[in-house]
Amino acid sequence: MEYLYIKSLHIVFITTWFAGLFYIIRLFIYFKEAEEKPEMEKQILTKQYQLMIKRLWYMITWPSAILATFFAVWLLILNPAWLQTNWMLIKLGFVALLFAYHWSCQIMYNQTSKGYLKYSSFSLRIWNEVATIILFACVFLVVLKDALGWVFGVLGIVGVSILLMLGIKLYKSVRNKNSWETK
């Protein structure tokens, strides 16, 4: 019974962690696009986005990352044999990538708190998809737990990634066309 409660809490905090990571990049995009606004509007939006980013980052995303990790370690203590399985070792590799992704968002947070962001909104849109790929990989590994299923999962992730990139490019071209027509 204890295991199911710990697993449930792990899933809840993984969900809120990813929600924070997905939304923080969206806020970074808005912050970046505010730079193109007239000065008065830019100042108002920048201040508001900085507040929203700070609250999301330190009230939801970081606590969720810490709690998800805490409950993951607890699950591994309850089931140490998992550390002998290939799927868990591969999943832990993706978790390491997730922490690297999280840290990259921390770097972007630090920039926005100083009033700038060195990445374009387009590159941020693409970067946002990295978290999606990590999420897909982890879910497929945990659910399927076998090598063949994992291979198909990775092929699916690559396919989804290609579709996402094409979708982003299409969105950008439509957006640019619409903005060109309104001028």
Protein backbone atom coordinates (compact mmCIF):
# COMPACT_ATOMS: atom_id res chain seq x y z
CA MET A 1 0.00 0.00 0.00
CA GLU A 2 2.83 2.40 0.85
CA TYR A 3 4.30 1.78 -2.60
CA LEU A 4 1.11 2.90 -4.36
CA TYR A 5 0.95 6.15 -2.38
CA ILE A 6 4.60 6.93 -3.13
CA LYS A 7 4.13 6.06 -6.81
CA SER A 8 1.03 8.27 -6.99
CA LEU A 9 2.87 11.21 -5.44
CA HIS A 10 5.80 10.67 -7.83
CA ILE A 11 3.43 10.77 -10.81
CA VAL A 12 1.69 13.92 -9.52
CA PHE A 13 4.96 15.80 -9.07
CA ILE A 14 6.37 14.59 -12.40
CA THR A 15 3.20 15.97 -13.99
CA THR A 16 3.49 19.34 -12.27
CA TRP A 17 7.23 19.48 -13.03
CA PHE A 18 6.62 18.97 -16.74
CA ALA A 19 3.72 21.43 -16.66
CA GLY A 20 6.10 24.01 -15.19
CA LEU A 21 8.78 23.25 -17.78
CA PHE A 22 6.31 23.50 -20.66
CA TYR A 23 4.81 26.77 -19.41
CA ILE A 24 8.11 28.42 -18.45
CA ILE A 25 9.33 28.23 -22.04
CA ARG A 26 6.02 29.70 -23.23
CA LEU A 27 6.55 32.61 -20.80
CA PHE A 28 10.12 33.02 -22.07
CA ILE A 29 8.70 33.28 -25.60
CA TYR A 30 6.24 35.97 -24.50
CA PHE A 31 9.03 37.77 -22.64
CA LYS A 32 11.21 37.69 -25.77
CA GLU A 33 8.39 38.87 -28.04
CA ALA A 34 7.66 41.76 -25.65
CA GLU A 35 11.05 43.19 -26.66
CA GLU A 36 9.54 44.06 -30.04
CA LYS A 37 6.68 46.12 -28.56
CA PRO A 38 6.67 49.91 -28.19
CA GLU A 39 8.70 51.03 -25.14
CA MET A 40 5.80 51.64 -22.72
CA GLU A 41 4.11 48.36 -23.58
CA LYS A 42 7.48 46.58 -23.44
CA GLN A 43 8.15 47.85 -19.90
CA ILE A 44 4.74 46.78 -18.63
CA LEU A 45 4.87 43.34 -20.27
CA THR A 46 8.47 42.69 -19.25
CA LYS A 47 7.72 43.45 -15.61
CA GLN A 48 4.59 41.27 -15.65
CA TYR A 49 6.34 38.35 -17.37
CA GLN A 50 9.25 38.54 -14.94
CA LEU A 51 6.79 38.22 -12.05
CA MET A 52 4.92 35.34 -13.68
CA ILE A 53 8.17 33.56 -14.54
CA LYS A 54 9.52 33.93 -10.99
CA ARG A 55 6.33 32.62 -9.40
CA LEU A 56 6.05 29.66 -11.78
CA TRP A 57 9.73 28.77 -11.44
CA TYR A 58 10.06 28.96 -7.67
CA MET A 59 6.54 28.10 -6.52
CA ILE A 60 5.73 25.24 -8.92
CA THR A 61 8.59 24.03 -11.11
CA TRP A 62 11.48 23.79 -8.64
CA PRO A 63 9.38 22.34 -5.79
CA SER A 64 7.87 19.80 -8.21
CA ALA A 65 11.34 18.77 -9.44
CA ILE A 66 12.55 18.29 -5.89
CA LEU A 67 9.47 16.35 -4.77
CA ALA A 68 9.40 14.18 -7.91
CA THR A 69 13.04 13.31 -7.29
CA PHE A 70 12.42 12.63 -3.60
CA PHE A 71 9.58 10.21 -4.36
CA ALA A 72 11.59 8.59 -7.19
CA VAL A 73 14.46 7.88 -4.80
CA TRP A 74 11.97 6.50 -2.28
CA LEU A 75 10.56 4.18 -4.98
CA LEU A 76 14.07 3.00 -5.82
CA ILE A 77 14.74 2.31 -2.13
CA LEU A 78 11.54 0.23 -2.01
CA ASN A 79 12.51 -1.55 -5.27
CA PRO A 80 16.32 -1.60 -5.59
CA ALA A 81 16.14 -4.42 -8.15
CA TRP A 82 14.94 -1.86 -10.70
CA LEU A 83 18.50 -0.54 -10.82
CA GLN A 84 19.51 -3.86 -12.40
CA THR A 85 17.07 -3.49 -15.32
CA ASN A 86 17.96 -1.99 -18.69
CA TRP A 87 14.78 0.05 -18.97
CA MET A 88 15.42 1.77 -15.63
CA LEU A 89 19.03 2.57 -16.49
CA ILE A 90 17.94 4.06 -19.82
CA LYS A 91 15.16 5.97 -18.07
CA LEU A 92 17.65 7.37 -15.57
CA GLY A 93 19.69 8.57 -18.55
CA PHE A 94 16.63 10.48 -19.78
CA VAL A 95 16.09 11.82 -16.27
CA ALA A 96 19.67 13.14 -16.35
CA LEU A 97 18.76 14.86 -19.64
CA LEU A 98 15.66 16.27 -17.93
CA PHE A 99 17.80 17.77 -15.18
CA ALA A 100 20.11 19.27 -17.82
CA TYR A 101 17.03 20.72 -19.56
CA HIS A 102 15.78 22.07 -16.24
CA TRP A 103 19.19 23.68 -15.62
CA SER A 104 19.10 25.31 -19.06
CA CYS A 105 15.75 26.81 -18.10
CA GLN A 106 17.35 28.08 -14.88
CA ILE A 107 19.96 29.87 -16.99
CA MET A 108 17.18 31.44 -19.08
CA TYR A 109 15.34 32.39 -15.87
CA ASN A 110 18.49 34.13 -14.62
CA GLN A 111 18.66 36.09 -17.88
CA THR A 112 15.04 37.20 -17.74
CA SER A 113 15.44 38.32 -14.13
CA LYS A 114 18.20 40.63 -15.44
CA GLY A 115 15.90 41.95 -18.18
CA TYR A 116 17.11 40.11 -21.27
CA LEU A 117 16.96 36.74 -22.99
CA LYS A 118 19.58 35.82 -25.55
CA TYR A 119 17.49 33.22 -27.41
CA SER A 120 15.04 33.92 -30.24
CA SER A 121 11.37 33.07 -29.83
CA PHE A 122 11.76 30.55 -32.68
CA SER A 123 14.65 28.73 -30.97
CA LEU A 124 12.66 28.73 -27.72
CA ARG A 125 9.71 27.10 -29.52
CA ILE A 126 12.01 24.35 -30.75
CA TRP A 127 13.66 24.01 -27.32
CA ASN A 128 10.21 23.54 -25.77
CA GLU A 129 9.85 20.31 -27.75
CA VAL A 130 12.90 18.76 -26.05
CA ALA A 131 10.88 18.35 -22.85
CA THR A 132 8.15 16.67 -24.89
CA ILE A 133 10.66 14.18 -26.30
CA ILE A 134 12.02 13.41 -22.82
CA LEU A 135 8.48 12.90 -21.52
CA PHE A 136 7.64 10.51 -24.38
CA ALA A 137 10.84 8.54 -23.80
CA CYS A 138 10.25 8.16 -20.06
CA VAL A 139 6.60 7.15 -20.42
CA PHE A 140 7.38 4.55 -23.10
CA LEU A 141 10.20 3.12 -21.01
CA VAL A 142 8.15 2.89 -17.82
CA VAL A 143 5.09 1.41 -19.51
CA LEU A 144 6.74 -0.97 -22.00
CA LYS A 145 9.89 -1.93 -20.05
CA ASP A 146 11.33 -4.05 -22.86
CA ALA A 147 14.00 -3.40 -25.45
CA LEU A 148 11.84 -3.89 -28.53
CA GLY A 149 9.06 -1.68 -27.18
CA TRP A 150 11.64 0.93 -26.29
CA VAL A 151 13.06 0.86 -29.84
CA PHE A 152 9.60 1.42 -31.31
CA GLY A 153 9.03 4.12 -28.71
CA VAL A 154 12.24 5.89 -29.74
CA LEU A 155 11.29 5.61 -33.41
CA GLY A 156 7.92 7.09 -32.48
CA ILE A 157 9.66 9.89 -30.59
CA VAL A 158 11.83 10.66 -33.61
CA GLY A 159 8.73 10.67 -35.83
CA VAL A 160 6.86 12.94 -33.43
CA SER A 161 9.91 15.21 -33.23
CA ILE A 162 10.05 15.53 -37.00
CA LEU A 163 6.33 16.30 -37.13
CA LEU A 164 6.72 18.89 -34.35
CA MET A 165 9.60 20.60 -36.16
CA LEU A 166 7.61 20.66 -39.40
CA GLY A 167 4.62 22.03 -37.49
CA ILE A 168 6.74 24.78 -35.95
CA LYS A 169 8.14 25.73 -39.37
CA LEU A 170 4.63 25.75 -40.85
CA TYR A 171 3.35 27.87 -37.95
CA LYS A 172 6.23 30.30 -38.43
CA SER A 173 5.62 30.62 -42.17
CA VAL A 174 1.86 31.14 -41.67
CA ARG A 175 2.52 33.67 -38.92
CA ASN A 176 5.04 35.54 -41.06
CA LYS A 177 2.63 35.50 -44.02
CA ASN A 178 -0.22 36.83 -41.88
CA SER A 179 1.92 39.58 -40.39
CA TRP A 180 3.13 40.51 -43.90
CA GLU A 181 -0.47 40.73 -45.19
CA THR A 182 -1.57 43.02 -42.32
CA LYS A 183 1.19 45.55 -43.07
